[in-house]
Amino acid sequence: MQQVYHFPVVTLSNGVRIANHSSAHEFVFEDGSTLSGVTKEQCMALQGSDVVEPRPLLVEDTPPVDLVAVVMRMGPILQDSLDYAESCVADDVFDYYIVPYPFQCSPDWDQKRWPHAVSGYVGPGRPTQKFPPLSISSFRVV
């Protein structure tokens, strides 16, 4: 059974409805619309877990070097919340939902399973209000 999550939603001037899946900070769009952040509790509950995975680095004519890569794994609660967000799209609650960029870099990410997820990444690890507003031209009613 899916848990019910609360996603703040804003309607942009072009009619597209955008939800915030799990970012605690707000998003500002170029039309002046502001999308609120989720609660601290929801943000913490929907974080992925960082896992250190050994990855050998092989370069021609050199001995192998052992490196580690830190990757984000998406547990069942996080995946359930993304499935719930897709059901909200299917129920016409909103058109797209913003997810943190690291979710889409996870080896667990499935763009076909979560096609309405978009990245809120606009700069090097900074909330959007410190950078130019998000463009609404990339969001279209489908």
N, C-alpha and C. Protein backbone atom coordinates (compact mmCIF):
# COMPACT_ATOMS: atom_id res chain seq x y z
N MET A 1 0.84 -1.19 0.00
CA MET A 1 0.00 0.00 0.00
C MET A 1 0.88 1.25 0.00
N GLN A 2 0.56 2.18 -0.88
CA GLN A 2 1.36 3.39 -0.96
C GLN A 2 1.03 4.35 0.17
N GLN A 3 2.07 4.97 0.68
CA GLN A 3 1.90 6.03 1.65
C GLN A 3 1.51 7.30 0.88
N VAL A 4 0.79 8.20 1.52
CA VAL A 4 0.41 9.45 0.88
C VAL A 4 1.44 10.51 1.26
N TYR A 5 1.95 11.20 0.28
CA TYR A 5 2.93 12.25 0.48
C TYR A 5 2.30 13.59 0.11
N HIS A 6 2.82 14.67 0.69
CA HIS A 6 2.33 16.00 0.35
C HIS A 6 3.37 16.68 -0.53
N PHE A 7 2.97 17.04 -1.75
CA PHE A 7 3.86 17.73 -2.67
C PHE A 7 3.31 19.14 -2.90
N PRO A 8 4.05 20.20 -2.51
CA PRO A 8 3.60 21.55 -2.85
C PRO A 8 3.51 21.68 -4.37
N VAL A 9 2.53 22.43 -4.84
CA VAL A 9 2.29 22.59 -6.28
C VAL A 9 2.14 24.08 -6.59
N VAL A 10 2.68 24.50 -7.74
CA VAL A 10 2.47 25.85 -8.23
C VAL A 10 2.04 25.75 -9.70
N THR A 11 1.12 26.63 -10.10
CA THR A 11 0.72 26.71 -11.50
C THR A 11 1.46 27.88 -12.13
N LEU A 12 2.24 27.59 -13.16
CA LEU A 12 3.01 28.63 -13.85
C LEU A 12 2.10 29.43 -14.77
N SER A 13 2.60 30.57 -15.24
CA SER A 13 1.79 31.44 -16.08
C SER A 13 1.39 30.78 -17.40
N ASN A 14 2.09 29.72 -17.81
CA ASN A 14 1.71 29.02 -19.04
C ASN A 14 0.75 27.87 -18.77
N GLY A 15 0.27 27.74 -17.51
CA GLY A 15 -0.71 26.73 -17.17
C GLY A 15 -0.15 25.40 -16.68
N VAL A 16 1.16 25.22 -16.75
CA VAL A 16 1.77 23.98 -16.30
C VAL A 16 1.83 23.96 -14.77
N ARG A 17 1.45 22.81 -14.21
CA ARG A 17 1.49 22.64 -12.75
C ARG A 17 2.73 21.82 -12.38
N ILE A 18 3.56 22.41 -11.53
CA ILE A 18 4.81 21.77 -11.11
C ILE A 18 4.72 21.48 -9.61
N ALA A 19 5.13 20.27 -9.22
CA ALA A 19 5.17 19.89 -7.81
C ALA A 19 6.62 19.77 -7.35
N ASN A 20 6.83 19.96 -6.07
CA ASN A 20 8.13 19.76 -5.45
C ASN A 20 8.09 18.40 -4.76
N HIS A 21 8.88 17.46 -5.22
CA HIS A 21 8.88 16.10 -4.67
C HIS A 21 9.54 16.03 -3.31
N SER A 22 10.77 16.56 -3.17
CA SER A 22 11.49 16.31 -1.92
C SER A 22 12.56 17.32 -1.58
N SER A 23 12.52 18.50 -2.17
CA SER A 23 13.52 19.53 -1.85
C SER A 23 12.98 20.46 -0.78
N ALA A 24 13.79 20.70 0.24
CA ALA A 24 13.35 21.56 1.35
C ALA A 24 13.34 23.03 0.96
N HIS A 25 14.10 23.40 -0.07
CA HIS A 25 14.12 24.81 -0.47
C HIS A 25 13.08 25.10 -1.54
N GLU A 26 12.78 26.37 -1.71
CA GLU A 26 11.80 26.75 -2.72
C GLU A 26 12.47 26.91 -4.08
N PHE A 27 11.64 26.87 -5.12
CA PHE A 27 12.09 27.08 -6.49
C PHE A 27 11.39 28.33 -7.01
N VAL A 28 12.15 29.20 -7.68
CA VAL A 28 11.59 30.42 -8.26
C VAL A 28 11.69 30.28 -9.77
N PHE A 29 10.58 30.58 -10.46
CA PHE A 29 10.54 30.48 -11.92
C PHE A 29 10.60 31.86 -12.54
N GLU A 30 10.95 31.92 -13.82
CA GLU A 30 11.15 33.20 -14.48
C GLU A 30 9.88 34.05 -14.57
N ASP A 31 8.71 33.42 -14.42
CA ASP A 31 7.47 34.21 -14.45
C ASP A 31 7.13 34.77 -13.07
N GLY A 32 8.01 34.54 -12.09
CA GLY A 32 7.80 35.04 -10.74
C GLY A 32 7.11 34.04 -9.82
N SER A 33 6.64 32.93 -10.36
CA SER A 33 6.00 31.90 -9.54
C SER A 33 7.03 31.29 -8.59
N THR A 34 6.58 30.98 -7.38
CA THR A 34 7.44 30.35 -6.39
C THR A 34 6.82 29.04 -5.94
N LEU A 35 7.61 27.99 -5.99
CA LEU A 35 7.19 26.67 -5.55
C LEU A 35 7.80 26.43 -4.18
N SER A 36 6.97 26.20 -3.18
CA SER A 36 7.44 26.00 -1.81
C SER A 36 8.23 24.72 -1.66
N GLY A 37 9.06 24.69 -0.62
CA GLY A 37 9.78 23.48 -0.27
C GLY A 37 8.88 22.53 0.50
N VAL A 38 9.27 21.26 0.55
CA VAL A 38 8.54 20.28 1.35
C VAL A 38 8.96 20.45 2.81
N THR A 39 8.23 19.79 3.70
CA THR A 39 8.59 19.87 5.11
C THR A 39 9.94 19.20 5.35
N LYS A 40 10.60 19.59 6.42
CA LYS A 40 11.88 18.99 6.77
C LYS A 40 11.73 17.48 6.96
N GLU A 41 10.62 17.08 7.56
CA GLU A 41 10.38 15.65 7.81
C GLU A 41 10.28 14.87 6.50
N GLN A 42 9.53 15.41 5.54
CA GLN A 42 9.42 14.71 4.25
C GLN A 42 10.75 14.70 3.53
N CYS A 43 11.46 15.81 3.58
CA CYS A 43 12.77 15.87 2.93
C CYS A 43 13.70 14.80 3.50
N MET A 44 13.74 14.68 4.82
CA MET A 44 14.61 13.68 5.46
C MET A 44 14.16 12.25 5.14
N ALA A 45 12.85 12.03 5.10
CA ALA A 45 12.32 10.69 4.84
C ALA A 45 12.61 10.23 3.41
N LEU A 46 12.71 11.18 2.49
CA LEU A 46 12.86 10.83 1.08
C LEU A 46 14.28 11.01 0.56
N GLN A 47 15.24 11.04 1.46
CA GLN A 47 16.62 11.14 1.01
C GLN A 47 17.10 9.76 0.58
N GLY A 48 17.92 9.73 -0.41
CA GLY A 48 18.57 8.48 -0.79
C GLY A 48 19.70 8.20 0.19
N SER A 49 20.27 7.04 0.10
CA SER A 49 21.40 6.74 0.96
C SER A 49 22.66 6.63 0.12
N ASP A 50 23.71 7.31 0.58
CA ASP A 50 24.98 7.27 -0.12
C ASP A 50 25.68 5.96 0.21
N VAL A 51 26.18 5.30 -0.81
CA VAL A 51 26.87 4.03 -0.65
C VAL A 51 28.23 4.15 -1.32
N VAL A 52 29.26 3.69 -0.61
CA VAL A 52 30.60 3.70 -1.19
C VAL A 52 30.80 2.37 -1.91
N GLU A 53 31.09 2.46 -3.20
CA GLU A 53 31.31 1.26 -4.00
C GLU A 53 32.72 1.29 -4.57
N PRO A 54 33.50 0.24 -4.32
CA PRO A 54 34.85 0.21 -4.90
C PRO A 54 34.77 0.10 -6.42
N ARG A 55 35.57 0.86 -7.09
CA ARG A 55 35.62 0.83 -8.54
C ARG A 55 37.09 0.84 -8.97
N PRO A 56 37.56 -0.21 -9.60
CA PRO A 56 38.95 -0.17 -10.06
C PRO A 56 39.10 0.76 -11.26
N LEU A 57 40.16 1.50 -11.28
CA LEU A 57 40.46 2.38 -12.40
C LEU A 57 41.57 1.72 -13.21
N LEU A 58 41.28 1.43 -14.44
CA LEU A 58 42.26 0.77 -15.31
C LEU A 58 42.70 1.72 -16.40
N VAL A 59 43.98 1.97 -16.45
CA VAL A 59 44.56 2.82 -17.49
C VAL A 59 45.64 2.00 -18.17
N GLU A 60 45.71 2.07 -19.48
CA GLU A 60 46.69 1.27 -20.23
C GLU A 60 48.10 1.51 -19.69
N ASP A 61 48.84 0.41 -19.62
CA ASP A 61 50.26 0.44 -19.25
C ASP A 61 50.53 0.94 -17.83
N THR A 62 49.54 0.90 -16.96
CA THR A 62 49.76 1.26 -15.55
C THR A 62 49.12 0.19 -14.68
N PRO A 63 49.62 0.01 -13.48
CA PRO A 63 48.96 -0.95 -12.59
C PRO A 63 47.58 -0.42 -12.20
N PRO A 64 46.63 -1.33 -11.90
CA PRO A 64 45.29 -0.89 -11.50
C PRO A 64 45.35 -0.05 -10.22
N VAL A 65 44.50 0.95 -10.15
CA VAL A 65 44.39 1.81 -8.98
C VAL A 65 43.00 1.59 -8.39
N ASP A 66 42.95 1.37 -7.08
CA ASP A 66 41.65 1.21 -6.42
C ASP A 66 41.11 2.57 -6.03
N LEU A 67 39.95 2.89 -6.55
CA LEU A 67 39.25 4.11 -6.19
C LEU A 67 37.91 3.73 -5.58
N VAL A 68 37.26 4.68 -4.98
CA VAL A 68 35.90 4.45 -4.52
C VAL A 68 35.00 5.49 -5.16
N ALA A 69 33.77 5.10 -5.41
CA ALA A 69 32.77 6.02 -5.93
C ALA A 69 31.64 6.08 -4.92
N VAL A 70 31.16 7.26 -4.65
CA VAL A 70 30.00 7.41 -3.77
C VAL A 70 28.78 7.56 -4.67
N VAL A 71 27.87 6.61 -4.57
CA VAL A 71 26.65 6.64 -5.37
C VAL A 71 25.45 6.67 -4.45
N MET A 72 24.38 7.25 -4.93
CA MET A 72 23.16 7.30 -4.14
C MET A 72 22.27 6.14 -4.51
N ARG A 73 21.88 5.36 -3.54
CA ARG A 73 20.95 4.26 -3.77
C ARG A 73 19.55 4.72 -3.33
N MET A 74 18.56 4.31 -4.08
CA MET A 74 17.18 4.71 -3.81
C MET A 74 16.44 3.53 -3.18
N GLY A 75 16.13 3.68 -1.90
CA GLY A 75 15.43 2.62 -1.18
C GLY A 75 13.96 2.54 -1.56
N PRO A 76 13.24 1.55 -0.98
CA PRO A 76 11.84 1.34 -1.33
C PRO A 76 10.92 2.51 -0.98
N ILE A 77 11.20 3.23 0.10
CA ILE A 77 10.34 4.37 0.47
C ILE A 77 10.47 5.47 -0.58
N LEU A 78 11.69 5.76 -0.99
CA LEU A 78 11.91 6.79 -2.01
C LEU A 78 11.27 6.37 -3.34
N GLN A 79 11.45 5.13 -3.74
CA GLN A 79 10.86 4.66 -4.99
C GLN A 79 9.33 4.69 -4.91
N ASP A 80 8.76 4.33 -3.75
CA ASP A 80 7.31 4.39 -3.55
C ASP A 80 6.81 5.82 -3.70
N SER A 81 7.57 6.79 -3.17
CA SER A 81 7.14 8.19 -3.26
C SER A 81 7.15 8.68 -4.71
N LEU A 82 8.11 8.20 -5.50
CA LEU A 82 8.15 8.57 -6.92
C LEU A 82 6.99 7.93 -7.68
N ASP A 83 6.66 6.69 -7.33
CA ASP A 83 5.49 6.03 -7.93
C ASP A 83 4.21 6.80 -7.58
N TYR A 84 4.13 7.25 -6.33
CA TYR A 84 2.96 8.04 -5.91
C TYR A 84 2.89 9.35 -6.70
N ALA A 85 4.04 10.00 -6.91
CA ALA A 85 4.05 11.24 -7.70
C ALA A 85 3.56 10.98 -9.12
N GLU A 86 3.95 9.86 -9.71
CA GLU A 86 3.47 9.52 -11.05
C GLU A 86 1.95 9.29 -11.03
N SER A 87 1.43 8.69 -9.95
CA SER A 87 -0.02 8.49 -9.86
C SER A 87 -0.74 9.83 -9.76
N CYS A 88 -0.10 10.82 -9.13
CA CYS A 88 -0.69 12.17 -9.07
C CYS A 88 -0.76 12.79 -10.46
N VAL A 89 0.26 12.55 -11.28
CA VAL A 89 0.24 13.03 -12.66
C VAL A 89 -0.91 12.35 -13.41
N ALA A 90 -1.03 11.05 -13.23
CA ALA A 90 -2.10 10.29 -13.90
C ALA A 90 -3.48 10.77 -13.46
N ASP A 91 -3.59 11.21 -12.20
CA ASP A 91 -4.87 11.70 -11.66
C ASP A 91 -5.07 13.19 -11.93
N ASP A 92 -4.19 13.81 -12.74
CA ASP A 92 -4.29 15.21 -13.14
C ASP A 92 -4.15 16.18 -11.97
N VAL A 93 -3.34 15.82 -10.97
CA VAL A 93 -3.08 16.72 -9.84
C VAL A 93 -2.01 17.74 -10.21
N PHE A 94 -0.99 17.29 -10.93
CA PHE A 94 0.05 18.17 -11.45
C PHE A 94 0.64 17.53 -12.70
N ASP A 95 1.46 18.32 -13.44
CA ASP A 95 2.00 17.87 -14.73
C ASP A 95 3.41 17.29 -14.63
N TYR A 96 4.25 17.89 -13.79
CA TYR A 96 5.63 17.47 -13.59
C TYR A 96 5.97 17.61 -12.12
N TYR A 97 7.03 16.96 -11.69
CA TYR A 97 7.51 17.14 -10.32
C TYR A 97 9.03 17.22 -10.34
N ILE A 98 9.53 18.13 -9.51
CA ILE A 98 10.97 18.37 -9.43
C ILE A 98 11.59 17.42 -8.42
N VAL A 99 12.66 16.77 -8.84
CA VAL A 99 13.42 15.88 -7.95
C VAL A 99 14.86 16.37 -7.89
N PRO A 100 15.56 16.08 -6.80
CA PRO A 100 16.97 16.47 -6.73
C PRO A 100 17.79 15.76 -7.81
N TYR A 101 18.72 16.47 -8.38
CA TYR A 101 19.57 15.94 -9.45
C TYR A 101 20.22 14.60 -9.09
N PRO A 102 20.73 14.41 -7.85
CA PRO A 102 21.36 13.12 -7.54
C PRO A 102 20.43 11.91 -7.71
N PHE A 103 19.11 12.10 -7.57
CA PHE A 103 18.19 10.98 -7.81
C PHE A 103 18.37 10.46 -9.23
N GLN A 104 18.48 11.38 -10.18
CA GLN A 104 18.57 10.99 -11.58
C GLN A 104 19.94 10.45 -11.96
N CYS A 105 20.91 10.56 -11.06
CA CYS A 105 22.24 9.99 -11.29
C CYS A 105 22.40 8.64 -10.59
N SER A 106 21.41 8.23 -9.84
CA SER A 106 21.48 6.98 -9.10
C SER A 106 21.41 5.80 -10.06
N PRO A 107 22.12 4.71 -9.75
CA PRO A 107 21.99 3.52 -10.59
C PRO A 107 20.58 2.92 -10.54
N ASP A 108 19.78 3.35 -9.56
CA ASP A 108 18.41 2.86 -9.43
C ASP A 108 17.41 3.67 -10.25
N TRP A 109 17.84 4.78 -10.85
CA TRP A 109 16.92 5.68 -11.56
C TRP A 109 16.37 5.00 -12.80
N ASP A 110 15.06 5.19 -13.04
CA ASP A 110 14.41 4.61 -14.21
C ASP A 110 13.52 5.68 -14.85
N GLN A 111 14.02 6.33 -15.89
CA GLN A 111 13.28 7.42 -16.53
C GLN A 111 11.97 6.95 -17.13
N LYS A 112 11.89 5.69 -17.55
CA LYS A 112 10.63 5.18 -18.10
C LYS A 112 9.59 5.00 -16.99
N ARG A 113 10.05 4.66 -15.80
CA ARG A 113 9.14 4.47 -14.67
C ARG A 113 8.66 5.82 -14.11
N TRP A 114 9.54 6.83 -14.14
CA TRP A 114 9.21 8.15 -13.60
C TRP A 114 9.42 9.22 -14.67
N PRO A 115 8.63 9.19 -15.76
CA PRO A 115 8.88 10.09 -16.89
C PRO A 115 8.56 11.56 -16.65
N HIS A 116 7.79 11.88 -15.62
CA HIS A 116 7.42 13.27 -15.38
C HIS A 116 8.30 13.95 -14.35
N ALA A 117 9.36 13.27 -13.93
CA ALA A 117 10.32 13.85 -12.99
C ALA A 117 11.29 14.74 -13.76
N VAL A 118 11.54 15.92 -13.23
CA VAL A 118 12.51 16.83 -13.83
C VAL A 118 13.48 17.27 -12.75
N SER A 119 14.67 17.61 -13.15
CA SER A 119 15.70 18.01 -12.20
C SER A 119 15.54 19.47 -11.81
N GLY A 120 15.74 19.74 -10.55
CA GLY A 120 15.74 21.12 -10.07
C GLY A 120 17.13 21.70 -10.00
N TYR A 121 18.12 21.00 -10.60
CA TYR A 121 19.51 21.44 -10.51
C TYR A 121 19.72 22.69 -11.35
N VAL A 122 20.26 23.73 -10.75
CA VAL A 122 20.57 24.94 -11.50
C VAL A 122 21.95 25.48 -11.18
N GLY A 123 22.66 24.87 -10.30
CA GLY A 123 23.99 25.35 -9.96
C GLY A 123 24.69 24.35 -9.06
N PRO A 124 25.91 24.64 -8.69
CA PRO A 124 26.70 23.68 -7.93
C PRO A 124 26.22 23.52 -6.49
N GLY A 125 25.17 22.72 -6.32
CA GLY A 125 24.69 22.40 -4.99
C GLY A 125 24.04 23.55 -4.25
N ARG A 126 23.51 24.50 -4.96
CA ARG A 126 22.90 25.68 -4.31
C ARG A 126 21.41 25.73 -4.58
N PRO A 127 20.64 26.25 -3.63
CA PRO A 127 19.20 26.45 -3.89
C PRO A 127 18.99 27.42 -5.05
N THR A 128 17.89 27.25 -5.74
CA THR A 128 17.64 28.05 -6.94
C THR A 128 17.52 29.54 -6.67
N GLN A 129 17.13 29.94 -5.46
CA GLN A 129 16.95 31.36 -5.25
C GLN A 129 18.27 32.13 -5.33
N LYS A 130 19.40 31.45 -5.34
CA LYS A 130 20.69 32.12 -5.46
C LYS A 130 21.14 32.22 -6.93
N PHE A 131 20.36 31.68 -7.83
CA PHE A 131 20.69 31.65 -9.25
C PHE A 131 19.54 32.23 -10.04
N PRO A 132 19.72 32.41 -11.33
CA PRO A 132 18.59 32.91 -12.14
C PRO A 132 17.38 31.99 -12.00
N PRO A 133 16.18 32.55 -12.07
CA PRO A 133 14.96 31.74 -11.94
C PRO A 133 14.91 30.62 -12.98
N LEU A 134 14.23 29.54 -12.62
CA LEU A 134 14.06 28.42 -13.55
C LEU A 134 13.20 28.86 -14.73
N SER A 135 13.59 28.42 -15.90
CA SER A 135 12.87 28.76 -17.12
C SER A 135 11.55 27.99 -17.18
N ILE A 136 10.49 28.69 -17.53
CA ILE A 136 9.21 27.98 -17.71
C ILE A 136 9.06 27.47 -19.14
N SER A 137 9.92 27.92 -20.05
CA SER A 137 9.77 27.52 -21.44
C SER A 137 10.03 26.03 -21.64
N SER A 138 10.74 25.39 -20.71
CA SER A 138 11.01 23.97 -20.86
C SER A 138 9.84 23.11 -20.38
N PHE A 139 8.85 23.73 -19.74
CA PHE A 139 7.69 23.01 -19.26
C PHE A 139 6.50 23.31 -20.15
N ARG A 140 5.89 22.27 -20.66
CA ARG A 140 4.74 22.43 -21.55
C ARG A 140 3.60 21.52 -21.07
N VAL A 141 2.39 21.97 -21.27
CA VAL A 141 1.24 21.14 -20.97
C VAL A 141 1.18 20.05 -22.03
N VAL A 142 1.07 18.80 -21.59
CA VAL A 142 1.03 17.70 -22.54
C VAL A 142 -0.34 17.04 -22.54
